[in-house]
Amino acid sequence: MAEPVTVSIADLRAALVRTLDATEKRLGPEVTLDMDYYWHLPVEEAFNMAGEPQTFTVGQVSDDLAEAVHNEHERLPEEASHDLSHLVGVFRALEFAARS
């Protein structure tokens, strides 16, 4: 088993800001995403190295944006995983757009 990895939220936040700044320089302040649906691998399977993933689901970028970005409800700490899951979909769509 691999050694645990510690991540600094402050360092991650700074890296995210740098990455979003670079993405904005490449794609502009608003990005039109030409795709909506994508394959999503549940996080439990993504980190289980004991076998190949067996379950794929479908994610939707428009739903991810509605849930994590446009929904301005109070963010409770125990709900962080829900928003992180939605943000992953948005970031993957941005990654796809930046590669084009």
PDB file of N, CA and C in Angstrom:
ATOM      1  N   MET A   1       0.843  -1.181   0.000  1.00  0.00           N
ATOM      2  CA  MET A   1       0.000   0.000   0.000  1.00  0.00           C
ATOM      3  C   MET A   1       0.889   1.246   0.000  1.00  0.00           C
ATOM      4  N   ALA A   2       0.486   2.237  -0.740  1.00  0.00           N
ATOM      5  CA  ALA A   2       1.264   3.473  -0.860  1.00  0.00           C
ATOM      6  C   ALA A   2       1.178   4.289   0.421  1.00  0.00           C
ATOM      7  N   GLU A   3       2.171   5.127   0.593  1.00  0.00           N
ATOM      8  CA  GLU A   3       2.180   6.040   1.740  1.00  0.00           C
ATOM      9  C   GLU A   3       1.089   7.093   1.545  1.00  0.00           C
ATOM     10  N   PRO A   4       0.458   7.523   2.631  1.00  0.00           N
ATOM     11  CA  PRO A   4      -0.541   8.599   2.518  1.00  0.00           C
ATOM     12  C   PRO A   4       0.096   9.883   1.986  1.00  0.00           C
ATOM     13  N   VAL A   5      -0.681  10.641   1.261  1.00  0.00           N
ATOM     14  CA  VAL A   5      -0.239  11.905   0.694  1.00  0.00           C
ATOM     15  C   VAL A   5      -1.012  13.021   1.377  1.00  0.00           C
ATOM     16  N   THR A   6      -0.305  14.035   1.835  1.00  0.00           N
ATOM     17  CA  THR A   6      -0.947  15.182   2.488  1.00  0.00           C
ATOM     18  C   THR A   6      -1.026  16.321   1.490  1.00  0.00           C
ATOM     19  N   VAL A   7      -2.195  16.927   1.415  1.00  0.00           N
ATOM     20  CA  VAL A   7      -2.388  18.052   0.505  1.00  0.00           C
ATOM     21  C   VAL A   7      -2.780  19.278   1.316  1.00  0.00           C
ATOM     22  N   SER A   8      -2.141  20.380   1.018  1.00  0.00           N
ATOM     23  CA  SER A   8      -2.471  21.648   1.661  1.00  0.00           C
ATOM     24  C   SER A   8      -3.600  22.299   0.863  1.00  0.00           C
ATOM     25  N   ILE A   9      -4.711  22.583   1.505  1.00  0.00           N
ATOM     26  CA  ILE A   9      -5.832  23.236   0.833  1.00  0.00           C
ATOM     27  C   ILE A   9      -5.385  24.597   0.289  1.00  0.00           C
ATOM     28  N   ALA A  10      -4.566  25.322   1.033  1.00  0.00           N
ATOM     29  CA  ALA A  10      -4.063  26.622   0.575  1.00  0.00           C
ATOM     30  C   ALA A  10      -3.229  26.470  -0.697  1.00  0.00           C
ATOM     31  N   ASP A  11      -2.359  25.462  -0.744  1.00  0.00           N
ATOM     32  CA  ASP A  11      -1.551  25.222  -1.938  1.00  0.00           C
ATOM     33  C   ASP A  11      -2.430  24.818  -3.115  1.00  0.00           C
ATOM     34  N   LEU A  12      -3.418  23.988  -2.847  1.00  0.00           N
ATOM     35  CA  LEU A  12      -4.340  23.553  -3.890  1.00  0.00           C
ATOM     36  C   LEU A  12      -5.144  24.741  -4.423  1.00  0.00           C
ATOM     37  N   ARG A  13      -5.598  25.601  -3.516  1.00  0.00           N
ATOM     38  CA  ARG A  13      -6.341  26.804  -3.919  1.00  0.00           C
ATOM     39  C   ARG A  13      -5.467  27.685  -4.825  1.00  0.00           C
ATOM     40  N   ALA A  14      -4.206  27.876  -4.448  1.00  0.00           N
ATOM     41  CA  ALA A  14      -3.288  28.697  -5.246  1.00  0.00           C
ATOM     42  C   ALA A  14      -3.056  28.065  -6.621  1.00  0.00           C
ATOM     43  N   ALA A  15      -2.882  26.762  -6.673  1.00  0.00           N
ATOM     44  CA  ALA A  15      -2.691  26.074  -7.951  1.00  0.00           C
ATOM     45  C   ALA A  15      -3.937  26.198  -8.823  1.00  0.00           C
ATOM     46  N   LEU A  16      -5.099  26.121  -8.210  1.00  0.00           N
ATOM     47  CA  LEU A  16      -6.352  26.260  -8.947  1.00  0.00           C
ATOM     48  C   LEU A  16      -6.498  27.661  -9.534  1.00  0.00           C
ATOM     49  N   VAL A  17      -6.151  28.676  -8.759  1.00  0.00           N
ATOM     50  CA  VAL A  17      -6.212  30.051  -9.256  1.00  0.00           C
ATOM     51  C   VAL A  17      -5.253  30.228 -10.433  1.00  0.00           C
ATOM     52  N   ARG A  18      -4.025  29.715 -10.322  1.00  0.00           N
ATOM     53  CA  ARG A  18      -3.062  29.813 -11.425  1.00  0.00           C
ATOM     54  C   ARG A  18      -3.594  29.118 -12.672  1.00  0.00           C
ATOM     55  N   THR A  19      -4.178  27.954 -12.479  1.00  0.00           N
ATOM     56  CA  THR A  19      -4.688  27.182 -13.603  1.00  0.00           C
ATOM     57  C   THR A  19      -5.886  27.868 -14.250  1.00  0.00           C
ATOM     58  N   LEU A  20      -6.786  28.392 -13.439  1.00  0.00           N
ATOM     59  CA  LEU A  20      -7.939  29.107 -13.991  1.00  0.00           C
ATOM     60  C   LEU A  20      -7.506  30.385 -14.698  1.00  0.00           C
ATOM     61  N   ASP A  21      -6.509  31.075 -14.163  1.00  0.00           N
ATOM     62  CA  ASP A  21      -5.978  32.274 -14.836  1.00  0.00           C
ATOM     63  C   ASP A  21      -5.416  31.911 -16.212  1.00  0.00           C
ATOM     64  N   ALA A  22      -4.653  30.833 -16.285  1.00  0.00           N
ATOM     65  CA  ALA A  22      -4.078  30.395 -17.559  1.00  0.00           C
ATOM     66  C   ALA A  22      -5.172  29.952 -18.526  1.00  0.00           C
ATOM     67  N   THR A  23      -6.182  29.278 -18.012  1.00  0.00           N
ATOM     68  CA  THR A  23      -7.300  28.835 -18.845  1.00  0.00           C
ATOM     69  C   THR A  23      -8.059  30.032 -19.399  1.00  0.00           C
ATOM     70  N   GLU A  24      -8.240  31.050 -18.569  1.00  0.00           N
ATOM     71  CA  GLU A  24      -8.930  32.257 -19.013  1.00  0.00           C
ATOM     72  C   GLU A  24      -8.127  32.965 -20.115  1.00  0.00           C
ATOM     73  N   LYS A  25      -6.812  32.982 -19.990  1.00  0.00           N
ATOM     74  CA  LYS A  25      -5.974  33.595 -21.029  1.00  0.00           C
ATOM     75  C   LYS A  25      -6.085  32.838 -22.349  1.00  0.00           C
ATOM     76  N   ARG A  26      -6.231  31.526 -22.248  1.00  0.00           N
ATOM     77  CA  ARG A  26      -6.333  30.697 -23.458  1.00  0.00           C
ATOM     78  C   ARG A  26      -7.724  30.731 -24.066  1.00  0.00           C
ATOM     79  N   LEU A  27      -8.765  30.644 -23.231  1.00  0.00           N
ATOM     80  CA  LEU A  27     -10.121  30.462 -23.736  1.00  0.00           C
ATOM     81  C   LEU A  27     -11.034  31.673 -23.561  1.00  0.00           C
ATOM     82  N   GLY A  28     -10.592  32.650 -22.773  1.00  0.00           N
ATOM     83  CA  GLY A  28     -11.418  33.824 -22.529  1.00  0.00           C
ATOM     84  C   GLY A  28     -12.163  33.722 -21.205  1.00  0.00           C
ATOM     85  N   PRO A  29     -12.837  34.814 -20.810  1.00  0.00           N
ATOM     86  CA  PRO A  29     -13.494  34.854 -19.503  1.00  0.00           C
ATOM     87  C   PRO A  29     -14.760  34.003 -19.405  1.00  0.00           C
ATOM     88  N   GLU A  30     -15.345  33.652 -20.543  1.00  0.00           N
ATOM     89  CA  GLU A  30     -16.487  32.737 -20.578  1.00  0.00           C
ATOM     90  C   GLU A  30     -16.200  31.694 -21.647  1.00  0.00           C
ATOM     91  N   VAL A  31     -16.509  30.454 -21.350  1.00  0.00           N
ATOM     92  CA  VAL A  31     -16.208  29.358 -22.267  1.00  0.00           C
ATOM     93  C   VAL A  31     -17.513  28.657 -22.630  1.00  0.00           C
ATOM     94  N   THR A  32     -17.754  28.529 -23.911  1.00  0.00           N
ATOM     95  CA  THR A  32     -18.897  27.750 -24.374  1.00  0.00           C
ATOM     96  C   THR A  32     -18.441  26.305 -24.501  1.00  0.00           C
ATOM     97  N   LEU A  33     -19.089  25.435 -23.761  1.00  0.00           N
ATOM     98  CA  LEU A  33     -18.731  24.023 -23.776  1.00  0.00           C
ATOM     99  C   LEU A  33     -19.672  23.304 -24.738  1.00  0.00           C
ATOM    100  N   ASP A  34     -19.098  22.651 -25.735  1.00  0.00           N
ATOM    101  CA  ASP A  34     -19.888  22.007 -26.782  1.00  0.00           C
ATOM    102  C   ASP A  34     -20.398  20.628 -26.389  1.00  0.00           C
ATOM    103  N   MET A  35     -20.085  20.207 -25.188  1.00  0.00           N
ATOM    104  CA  MET A  35     -20.535  18.895 -24.744  1.00  0.00           C
ATOM    105  C   MET A  35     -21.300  19.064 -23.427  1.00  0.00           C
ATOM    106  N   ASP A  36     -22.188  18.125 -23.145  1.00  0.00           N
ATOM    107  CA  ASP A  36     -22.929  18.185 -21.890  1.00  0.00           C
ATOM    108  C   ASP A  36     -22.782  16.885 -21.101  1.00  0.00           C
ATOM    109  N   TYR A  37     -22.919  15.760 -21.771  1.00  0.00           N
ATOM    110  CA  TYR A  37     -22.855  14.464 -21.079  1.00  0.00           C
ATOM    111  C   TYR A  37     -21.442  13.896 -21.155  1.00  0.00           C
ATOM    112  N   TYR A  38     -21.055  13.182 -20.109  1.00  0.00           N
ATOM    113  CA  TYR A  38     -19.733  12.554 -20.071  1.00  0.00           C
ATOM    114  C   TYR A  38     -19.812  11.296 -19.223  1.00  0.00           C
ATOM    115  N   TRP A  39     -18.826  10.430 -19.431  1.00  0.00           N
ATOM    116  CA  TRP A  39     -18.718   9.227 -18.600  1.00  0.00           C
ATOM    117  C   TRP A  39     -18.113   9.599 -17.258  1.00  0.00           C
ATOM    118  N   HIS A  40     -18.690   9.063 -16.210  1.00  0.00           N
ATOM    119  CA  HIS A  40     -18.230   9.345 -14.850  1.00  0.00           C
ATOM    120  C   HIS A  40     -17.927   8.027 -14.159  1.00  0.00           C
ATOM    121  N   LEU A  41     -16.761   7.945 -13.594  1.00  0.00           N
ATOM    122  CA  LEU A  41     -16.361   6.770 -12.823  1.00  0.00           C
ATOM    123  C   LEU A  41     -16.561   7.097 -11.353  1.00  0.00           C
ATOM    124  N   PRO A  42     -17.408   6.360 -10.638  1.00  0.00           N
ATOM    125  CA  PRO A  42     -17.619   6.650  -9.218  1.00  0.00           C
ATOM    126  C   PRO A  42     -16.285   6.649  -8.452  1.00  0.00           C
ATOM    127  N   VAL A  43     -16.151   7.582  -7.537  1.00  0.00           N
ATOM    128  CA  VAL A  43     -14.883   7.783  -6.828  1.00  0.00           C
ATOM    129  C   VAL A  43     -14.446   6.529  -6.076  1.00  0.00           C
ATOM    130  N   GLU A  44     -15.386   5.767  -5.569  1.00  0.00           N
ATOM    131  CA  GLU A  44     -15.022   4.539  -4.842  1.00  0.00           C
ATOM    132  C   GLU A  44     -14.291   3.556  -5.759  1.00  0.00           C
ATOM    133  N   GLU A  45     -14.692   3.523  -7.018  1.00  0.00           N
ATOM    134  CA  GLU A  45     -14.028   2.617  -7.955  1.00  0.00           C
ATOM    135  C   GLU A  45     -12.731   3.214  -8.497  1.00  0.00           C
ATOM    136  N   ALA A  46     -12.667   4.532  -8.594  1.00  0.00           N
ATOM    137  CA  ALA A  46     -11.471   5.177  -9.124  1.00  0.00           C
ATOM    138  C   ALA A  46     -10.248   4.936  -8.247  1.00  0.00           C
ATOM    139  N   PHE A  47     -10.456   4.772  -6.952  1.00  0.00           N
ATOM    140  CA  PHE A  47      -9.339   4.600  -6.030  1.00  0.00           C
ATOM    141  C   PHE A  47      -9.209   3.176  -5.504  1.00  0.00           C
ATOM    142  N   ASN A  48      -9.941   2.255  -6.075  1.00  0.00           N
ATOM    143  CA  ASN A  48      -9.841   0.849  -5.689  1.00  0.00           C
ATOM    144  C   ASN A  48      -8.948   0.144  -6.705  1.00  0.00           C
ATOM    145  N   MET A  49      -7.684  -0.045  -6.356  1.00  0.00           N
ATOM    146  CA  MET A  49      -6.723  -0.648  -7.268  1.00  0.00           C
ATOM    147  C   MET A  49      -6.751  -2.173  -7.225  1.00  0.00           C
ATOM    148  N   ALA A  50      -7.680  -2.752  -6.455  1.00  0.00           N
ATOM    149  CA  ALA A  50      -7.762  -4.206  -6.341  1.00  0.00           C
ATOM    150  C   ALA A  50      -8.339  -4.844  -7.607  1.00  0.00           C
ATOM    151  N   GLY A  51      -9.018  -4.081  -8.426  1.00  0.00           N
ATOM    152  CA  GLY A  51      -9.592  -4.628  -9.647  1.00  0.00           C
ATOM    153  C   GLY A  51      -9.990  -3.515 -10.593  1.00  0.00           C
ATOM    154  N   GLU A  52     -10.329  -3.900 -11.816  1.00  0.00           N
ATOM    155  CA  GLU A  52     -10.767  -2.914 -12.798  1.00  0.00           C
ATOM    156  C   GLU A  52     -12.149  -2.392 -12.438  1.00  0.00           C
ATOM    157  N   PRO A  53     -12.392  -1.110 -12.706  1.00  0.00           N
ATOM    158  CA  PRO A  53     -13.725  -0.560 -12.441  1.00  0.00           C
ATOM    159  C   PRO A  53     -14.792  -1.304 -13.235  1.00  0.00           C
ATOM    160  N   GLN A  54     -15.930  -1.503 -12.615  1.00  0.00           N
ATOM    161  CA  GLN A  54     -17.036  -2.197 -13.260  1.00  0.00           C
ATOM    162  C   GLN A  54     -18.229  -1.283 -13.512  1.00  0.00           C
ATOM    163  N   THR A  55     -18.230  -0.119 -12.870  1.00  0.00           N
ATOM    164  CA  THR A  55     -19.389   0.753 -12.936  1.00  0.00           C
ATOM    165  C   THR A  55     -19.021   2.101 -13.535  1.00  0.00           C
ATOM    166  N   PHE A  56     -19.722   2.459 -14.584  1.00  0.00           N
ATOM    167  CA  PHE A  56     -19.616   3.795 -15.149  1.00  0.00           C
ATOM    168  C   PHE A  56     -21.005   4.402 -15.103  1.00  0.00           C
ATOM    169  N   THR A  57     -21.067   5.673 -14.820  1.00  0.00           N
ATOM    170  CA  THR A  57     -22.339   6.358 -14.864  1.00  0.00           C
ATOM    171  C   THR A  57     -22.182   7.533 -15.826  1.00  0.00           C
ATOM    172  N   VAL A  58     -23.248   8.269 -16.018  1.00  0.00           N
ATOM    173  CA  VAL A  58     -23.218   9.422 -16.901  1.00  0.00           C
ATOM    174  C   VAL A  58     -23.341  10.677 -16.061  1.00  0.00           C
ATOM    175  N   GLY A  59     -22.452  11.632 -16.309  1.00  0.00           N
ATOM    176  CA  GLY A  59     -22.528  12.936 -15.677  1.00  0.00           C
ATOM    177  C   GLY A  59     -23.030  13.947 -16.695  1.00  0.00           C
ATOM    178  N   GLN A  60     -23.443  15.112 -16.210  1.00  0.00           N
ATOM    179  CA  GLN A  60     -23.965  16.146 -17.091  1.00  0.00           C
ATOM    180  C   GLN A  60     -23.394  17.496 -16.662  1.00  0.00           C
ATOM    181  N   VAL A  61     -22.650  18.146 -17.554  1.00  0.00           N
ATOM    182  CA  VAL A  61     -21.989  19.408 -17.246  1.00  0.00           C
ATOM    183  C   VAL A  61     -22.998  20.471 -16.839  1.00  0.00           C
ATOM    184  N   SER A  62     -24.125  20.559 -17.527  1.00  0.00           N
ATOM    185  CA  SER A  62     -25.127  21.574 -17.178  1.00  0.00           C
ATOM    186  C   SER A  62     -25.666  21.350 -15.768  1.00  0.00           C
ATOM    187  N   ASP A  63     -25.840  20.095 -15.378  1.00  0.00           N
ATOM    188  CA  ASP A  63     -26.254  19.787 -14.003  1.00  0.00           C
ATOM    189  C   ASP A  63     -25.152  20.140 -13.018  1.00  0.00           C
ATOM    190  N   ASP A  64     -23.911  19.828 -13.382  1.00  0.00           N
ATOM    191  CA  ASP A  64     -22.775  20.153 -12.512  1.00  0.00           C
ATOM    192  C   ASP A  64     -22.698  21.654 -12.263  1.00  0.00           C
ATOM    193  N   LEU A  65     -22.860  22.435 -13.330  1.00  0.00           N
ATOM    194  CA  LEU A  65     -22.833  23.894 -13.185  1.00  0.00           C
ATOM    195  C   LEU A  65     -23.975  24.382 -12.310  1.00  0.00           C
ATOM    196  N   ALA A  66     -25.161  23.837 -12.512  1.00  0.00           N
ATOM    197  CA  ALA A  66     -26.320  24.241 -11.719  1.00  0.00           C
ATOM    198  C   ALA A  66     -26.121  23.921 -10.243  1.00  0.00           C
ATOM    199  N   GLU A  67     -25.569  22.772  -9.954  1.00  0.00           N
ATOM    200  CA  GLU A  67     -25.396  22.336  -8.565  1.00  0.00           C
ATOM    201  C   GLU A  67     -24.243  23.031  -7.851  1.00  0.00           C
ATOM    202  N   ALA A  68     -23.093  23.110  -8.496  1.00  0.00           N
ATOM    203  CA  ALA A  68     -21.886  23.571  -7.801  1.00  0.00           C
ATOM    204  C   ALA A  68     -21.573  25.044  -8.001  1.00  0.00           C
ATOM    205  N   VAL A  69     -22.017  25.621  -9.104  1.00  0.00           N
ATOM    206  CA  VAL A  69     -21.637  27.002  -9.401  1.00  0.00           C
ATOM    207  C   VAL A  69     -22.805  27.958  -9.232  1.00  0.00           C
ATOM    208  N   HIS A  70     -23.928  27.637  -9.856  1.00  0.00           N
ATOM    209  CA  HIS A  70     -25.054  28.569  -9.868  1.00  0.00           C
ATOM    210  C   HIS A  70     -25.961  28.446  -8.647  1.00  0.00           C
ATOM    211  N   ASN A  71     -25.889  27.345  -7.946  1.00  0.00           N
ATOM    212  CA  ASN A  71     -26.704  27.152  -6.753  1.00  0.00           C
ATOM    213  C   ASN A  71     -25.975  27.819  -5.577  1.00  0.00           C
ATOM    214  N   GLU A  72     -26.513  28.913  -5.112  1.00  0.00           N
ATOM    215  CA  GLU A  72     -25.820  29.699  -4.089  1.00  0.00           C
ATOM    216  C   GLU A  72     -26.270  29.358  -2.671  1.00  0.00           C
ATOM    217  N   HIS A  73     -26.656  28.101  -2.454  1.00  0.00           N
ATOM    218  CA  HIS A  73     -27.030  27.696  -1.103  1.00  0.00           C
ATOM    219  C   HIS A  73     -25.796  27.710  -0.195  1.00  0.00           C
ATOM    220  N   GLU A  74     -26.051  27.771   1.085  1.00  0.00           N
ATOM    221  CA  GLU A  74     -24.938  27.737   2.043  1.00  0.00           C
ATOM    222  C   GLU A  74     -24.231  26.400   1.928  1.00  0.00           C
ATOM    223  N   ARG A  75     -22.910  26.450   1.853  1.00  0.00           N
ATOM    224  CA  ARG A  75     -22.109  25.229   1.727  1.00  0.00           C
ATOM    225  C   ARG A  75     -21.764  24.710   3.111  1.00  0.00           C
ATOM    226  N   LEU A  76     -22.303  23.554   3.438  1.00  0.00           N
ATOM    227  CA  LEU A  76     -22.004  22.927   4.718  1.00  0.00           C
ATOM    228  C   LEU A  76     -20.797  22.011   4.552  1.00  0.00           C
ATOM    229  N   PRO A  77     -19.912  21.968   5.544  1.00  0.00           N
ATOM    230  CA  PRO A  77     -18.712  21.132   5.417  1.00  0.00           C
ATOM    231  C   PRO A  77     -19.018  19.672   5.072  1.00  0.00           C
ATOM    232  N   GLU A  78     -20.081  19.130   5.626  1.00  0.00           N
ATOM    233  CA  GLU A  78     -20.405  17.722   5.367  1.00  0.00           C
ATOM    234  C   GLU A  78     -20.938  17.487   3.951  1.00  0.00           C
ATOM    235  N   GLU A  79     -21.196  18.561   3.199  1.00  0.00           N
ATOM    236  CA  GLU A  79     -21.660  18.437   1.818  1.00  0.00           C
ATOM    237  C   GLU A  79     -20.546  18.695   0.804  1.00  0.00           C
ATOM    238  N   ALA A  80     -19.330  18.870   1.263  1.00  0.00           N
ATOM    239  CA  ALA A  80     -18.221  19.214   0.368  1.00  0.00           C
ATOM    240  C   ALA A  80     -18.019  18.167  -0.720  1.00  0.00           C
ATOM    241  N   SER A  81     -18.167  16.906  -0.399  1.00  0.00           N
ATOM    242  CA  SER A  81     -17.931  15.868  -1.407  1.00  0.00           C
ATOM    243  C   SER A  81     -18.906  15.997  -2.568  1.00  0.00           C
ATOM    244  N   HIS A  82     -20.134  16.411  -2.287  1.00  0.00           N
ATOM    245  CA  HIS A  82     -21.144  16.585  -3.341  1.00  0.00           C
ATOM    246  C   HIS A  82     -20.700  17.668  -4.325  1.00  0.00           C
ATOM    247  N   ASP A  83     -20.299  18.832  -3.811  1.00  0.00           N
ATOM    248  CA  ASP A  83     -19.858  19.921  -4.682  1.00  0.00           C
ATOM    249  C   ASP A  83     -18.557  19.564  -5.392  1.00  0.00           C
ATOM    250  N   LEU A  84     -17.639  18.904  -4.714  1.00  0.00           N
ATOM    251  CA  LEU A  84     -16.384  18.497  -5.362  1.00  0.00           C
ATOM    252  C   LEU A  84     -16.672  17.580  -6.549  1.00  0.00           C
ATOM    253  N   SER A  85     -17.614  16.661  -6.382  1.00  0.00           N
ATOM    254  CA  SER A  85     -17.972  15.754  -7.464  1.00  0.00           C
ATOM    255  C   SER A  85     -18.477  16.525  -8.680  1.00  0.00           C
ATOM    256  N   HIS A  86     -19.318  17.524  -8.448  1.00  0.00           N
ATOM    257  CA  HIS A  86     -19.832  18.322  -9.560  1.00  0.00           C
ATOM    258  C   HIS A  86     -18.736  19.176 -10.196  1.00  0.00           C
ATOM    259  N   LEU A  87     -17.855  19.727  -9.393  1.00  0.00           N
ATOM    260  CA  LEU A  87     -16.774  20.546  -9.939  1.00  0.00           C
ATOM    261  C   LEU A  87     -15.829  19.727 -10.805  1.00  0.00           C
ATOM    262  N   VAL A  88     -15.629  18.463 -10.454  1.00  0.00           N
ATOM    263  CA  VAL A  88     -14.776  17.590 -11.266  1.00  0.00           C
ATOM    264  C   VAL A  88     -15.320  17.520 -12.689  1.00  0.00           C
ATOM    265  N   GLY A  89     -16.634  17.388 -12.834  1.00  0.00           N
ATOM    266  CA  GLY A  89     -17.233  17.340 -14.167  1.00  0.00           C
ATOM    267  C   GLY A  89     -16.986  18.612 -14.949  1.00  0.00           C
ATOM    268  N   VAL A  90     -17.126  19.756 -14.294  1.00  0.00           N
ATOM    269  CA  VAL A  90     -16.896  21.045 -14.955  1.00  0.00           C
ATOM    270  C   VAL A  90     -15.421  21.168 -15.355  1.00  0.00           C
ATOM    271  N   PHE A  91     -14.523  20.794 -14.465  1.00  0.00           N
ATOM    272  CA  PHE A  91     -13.096  20.893 -14.773  1.00  0.00           C
ATOM    273  C   PHE A  91     -12.700  19.947 -15.902  1.00  0.00           C
ATOM    274  N   ARG A  92     -13.303  18.761 -15.973  1.00  0.00           N
ATOM    275  CA  ARG A  92     -12.998  17.857 -17.079  1.00  0.00           C
ATOM    276  C   ARG A  92     -13.470  18.443 -18.401  1.00  0.00           C
ATOM    277  N   ALA A  93     -14.632  19.108 -18.399  1.00  0.00           N
ATOM    278  CA  ALA A  93     -15.128  19.754 -19.624  1.00  0.00           C
ATOM    279  C   ALA A  93     -14.204  20.892 -20.025  1.00  0.00           C
ATOM    280  N   LEU A  94     -13.715  21.669 -19.066  1.00  0.00           N
ATOM    281  CA  LEU A  94     -12.756  22.729 -19.370  1.00  0.00           C
ATOM    282  C   LEU A  94     -11.444  22.137 -19.915  1.00  0.00           C
ATOM    283  N   GLU A  95     -11.011  21.046 -19.318  1.00  0.00           N
ATOM    284  CA  GLU A  95      -9.809  20.379 -19.813  1.00  0.00           C
ATOM    285  C   GLU A  95      -9.994  19.989 -21.288  1.00  0.00           C
ATOM    286  N   PHE A  96     -11.146  19.410 -21.606  1.00  0.00           N
ATOM    287  CA  PHE A  96     -11.449  19.005 -22.974  1.00  0.00           C
ATOM    288  C   PHE A  96     -11.437  20.213 -23.906  1.00  0.00           C
ATOM    289  N   ALA A  97     -12.046  21.309 -23.486  1.00  0.00           N
ATOM    290  CA  ALA A  97     -12.094  22.524 -24.300  1.00  0.00           C
ATOM    291  C   ALA A  97     -10.693  23.102 -24.500  1.00  0.00           C
ATOM    292  N   ALA A  98      -9.871  23.074 -23.460  1.00  0.00           N
ATOM    293  CA  ALA A  98      -8.521  23.641 -23.553  1.00  0.00           C
ATOM    294  C   ALA A  98      -7.617  22.812 -24.456  1.00  0.00           C
ATOM    295  N   ARG A  99      -7.924  21.539 -24.646  1.00  0.00           N
ATOM    296  CA  ARG A  99      -7.122  20.678 -25.513  1.00  0.00           C
ATOM    297  C   ARG A  99      -7.483  20.873 -26.984  1.00  0.00           C
ATOM    298  N   SER A 100      -8.613  21.461 -27.242  1.00  0.00           N
ATOM    299  CA  SER A 100      -9.082  21.620 -28.638  1.00  0.00           C
ATOM    300  C   SER A 100      -8.351  22.725 -29.347  1.00  0.00           C
TER     301      SER A 100
END
